[in-house]
Amino acid sequence: IIFLYFLSIYNDYKKESLCMNNNDKIVIKKRGDDGNRVITIRIKEDLLRETDNIATECNYSRNELICLLLKHGIKNIEIEK
């Protein structure tokens, strides 16, 4: 079933590309123009494992879950003075 799905996508792509002429433009944005940035962080293995377990259980990607946790943390942080 998965193979047939990808085959249909490929066939649609081939049909579409055959119908295009050289004057058709494809407009793409540079990476990063969507307001997102790629960053690198250092994280303990056990914390990463727990994060991945929660993401899997909730059917989220690791990235989606981390963004949700960061949003919540930022909205609910209190900095001592």
C-alpha atoms as a PDB file:
ATOM      1  CA  ILE A   1       0.000   0.000   0.000  1.00  0.00           C
ATOM      2  CA  ILE A   2       2.797   2.406   0.905  1.00  0.00           C
ATOM      3  CA  PHE A   3       4.592   1.575  -2.331  1.00  0.00           C
ATOM      4  CA  LEU A   4       1.424   2.290  -4.329  1.00  0.00           C
ATOM      5  CA  TYR A   5       0.992   5.602  -2.518  1.00  0.00           C
ATOM      6  CA  PHE A   6       4.535   6.713  -3.371  1.00  0.00           C
ATOM      7  CA  LEU A   7       4.111   5.448  -6.923  1.00  0.00           C
ATOM      8  CA  SER A   8       0.998   7.600  -7.365  1.00  0.00           C
ATOM      9  CA  ILE A   9       2.860  10.640  -6.004  1.00  0.00           C
ATOM     10  CA  TYR A  10       5.730   9.947  -8.408  1.00  0.00           C
ATOM     11  CA  ASN A  11       3.337   9.574 -11.350  1.00  0.00           C
ATOM     12  CA  ASP A  12       1.606  12.859 -10.459  1.00  0.00           C
ATOM     13  CA  TYR A  13       5.013  14.545 -10.274  1.00  0.00           C
ATOM     14  CA  LYS A  14       5.987  13.172 -13.691  1.00  0.00           C
ATOM     15  CA  LYS A  15       2.697  14.348 -15.240  1.00  0.00           C
ATOM     16  CA  GLU A  16       3.098  17.784 -13.684  1.00  0.00           C
ATOM     17  CA  SER A  17       6.690  18.164 -14.833  1.00  0.00           C
ATOM     18  CA  LEU A  18       5.771  17.090 -18.368  1.00  0.00           C
ATOM     19  CA  CYS A  19       3.072  19.766 -18.527  1.00  0.00           C
ATOM     20  CA  MET A  20       5.438  22.546 -17.488  1.00  0.00           C
ATOM     21  CA  ASN A  21       7.164  24.620 -20.096  1.00  0.00           C
ATOM     22  CA  ASN A  22      10.451  26.465 -19.715  1.00  0.00           C
ATOM     23  CA  ASN A  23       8.663  29.747 -18.901  1.00  0.00           C
ATOM     24  CA  ASP A  24       7.025  28.398 -15.739  1.00  0.00           C
ATOM     25  CA  LYS A  25       8.744  29.674 -12.612  1.00  0.00           C
ATOM     26  CA  ILE A  26       9.113  27.881  -9.340  1.00  0.00           C
ATOM     27  CA  VAL A  27       9.242  30.317  -6.438  1.00  0.00           C
ATOM     28  CA  ILE A  28      11.028  29.116  -3.318  1.00  0.00           C
ATOM     29  CA  LYS A  29      11.965  30.877  -0.120  1.00  0.00           C
ATOM     30  CA  LYS A  30      15.385  30.758   1.433  1.00  0.00           C
ATOM     31  CA  ARG A  31      15.604  28.506   4.464  1.00  0.00           C
ATOM     32  CA  GLY A  32      14.912  30.361   7.638  1.00  0.00           C
ATOM     33  CA  ASP A  33      12.415  32.790   6.096  1.00  0.00           C
ATOM     34  CA  ASP A  34       9.572  30.980   7.853  1.00  0.00           C
ATOM     35  CA  GLY A  35      10.553  32.443  11.223  1.00  0.00           C
ATOM     36  CA  ASN A  36      12.239  29.262  12.407  1.00  0.00           C
ATOM     37  CA  ARG A  37      15.929  28.847  13.099  1.00  0.00           C
ATOM     38  CA  VAL A  38      17.998  25.698  13.347  1.00  0.00           C
ATOM     39  CA  ILE A  39      20.043  25.533  16.556  1.00  0.00           C
ATOM     40  CA  THR A  40      22.245  23.010  18.304  1.00  0.00           C
ATOM     41  CA  ILE A  41      21.930  22.192  21.994  1.00  0.00           C
ATOM     42  CA  ARG A  42      23.775  19.907  24.379  1.00  0.00           C
ATOM     43  CA  ILE A  43      21.458  17.653  26.395  1.00  0.00           C
ATOM     44  CA  LYS A  44      21.995  14.767  28.815  1.00  0.00           C
ATOM     45  CA  GLU A  45      21.259  11.355  27.304  1.00  0.00           C
ATOM     46  CA  ASP A  46      18.665  10.457  29.942  1.00  0.00           C
ATOM     47  CA  LEU A  47      16.769  13.715  29.356  1.00  0.00           C
ATOM     48  CA  LEU A  48      16.823  13.134  25.599  1.00  0.00           C
ATOM     49  CA  ARG A  49      15.601   9.556  26.092  1.00  0.00           C
ATOM     50  CA  GLU A  50      12.728  10.767  28.284  1.00  0.00           C
ATOM     51  CA  THR A  51      11.862  13.471  25.752  1.00  0.00           C
ATOM     52  CA  ASP A  52      11.812  10.927  22.935  1.00  0.00           C
ATOM     53  CA  ASN A  53       9.628   8.569  25.002  1.00  0.00           C
ATOM     54  CA  ILE A  54       7.075  11.321  25.644  1.00  0.00           C
ATOM     55  CA  ALA A  55       7.138  12.411  21.997  1.00  0.00           C
ATOM     56  CA  THR A  56       6.540   8.844  20.856  1.00  0.00           C
ATOM     57  CA  GLU A  57       3.718   8.332  23.353  1.00  0.00           C
ATOM     58  CA  CYS A  58       2.005  11.580  22.283  1.00  0.00           C
ATOM     59  CA  ASN A  59       2.688  11.072  18.566  1.00  0.00           C
ATOM     60  CA  TYR A  60       4.742  14.279  18.290  1.00  0.00           C
ATOM     61  CA  SER A  61       8.127  14.735  16.705  1.00  0.00           C
ATOM     62  CA  ARG A  62      10.995  15.500  19.041  1.00  0.00           C
ATOM     63  CA  ASN A  63      11.122  19.031  17.628  1.00  0.00           C
ATOM     64  CA  GLU A  64       7.396  19.656  18.142  1.00  0.00           C
ATOM     65  CA  LEU A  65       7.550  18.466  21.737  1.00  0.00           C
ATOM     66  CA  ILE A  66      10.631  20.520  22.603  1.00  0.00           C
ATOM     67  CA  CYS A  67       8.994  23.642  21.123  1.00  0.00           C
ATOM     68  CA  LEU A  68       5.841  23.020  23.193  1.00  0.00           C
ATOM     69  CA  LEU A  69       7.897  22.543  26.355  1.00  0.00           C
ATOM     70  CA  LEU A  70       9.925  25.696  25.670  1.00  0.00           C
ATOM     71  CA  LYS A  71       6.788  27.771  25.051  1.00  0.00           C
ATOM     72  CA  HIS A  72       5.270  26.527  28.289  1.00  0.00           C
ATOM     73  CA  GLY A  73       8.479  27.085  30.229  1.00  0.00           C
ATOM     74  CA  ILE A  74       8.960  30.617  28.925  1.00  0.00           C
ATOM     75  CA  LYS A  75       5.353  31.586  29.715  1.00  0.00           C
ATOM     76  CA  ASN A  76       5.605  30.132  33.232  1.00  0.00           C
ATOM     77  CA  ILE A  77       9.095  31.059  34.369  1.00  0.00           C
ATOM     78  CA  GLU A  78       9.710  33.244  37.376  1.00  0.00           C
ATOM     79  CA  ILE A  79      13.144  34.767  37.775  1.00  0.00           C
ATOM     80  CA  GLU A  80      14.255  35.370  41.352  1.00  0.00           C
ATOM     81  CA  LYS A  81      15.642  38.798  42.142  1.00  0.00           C
END
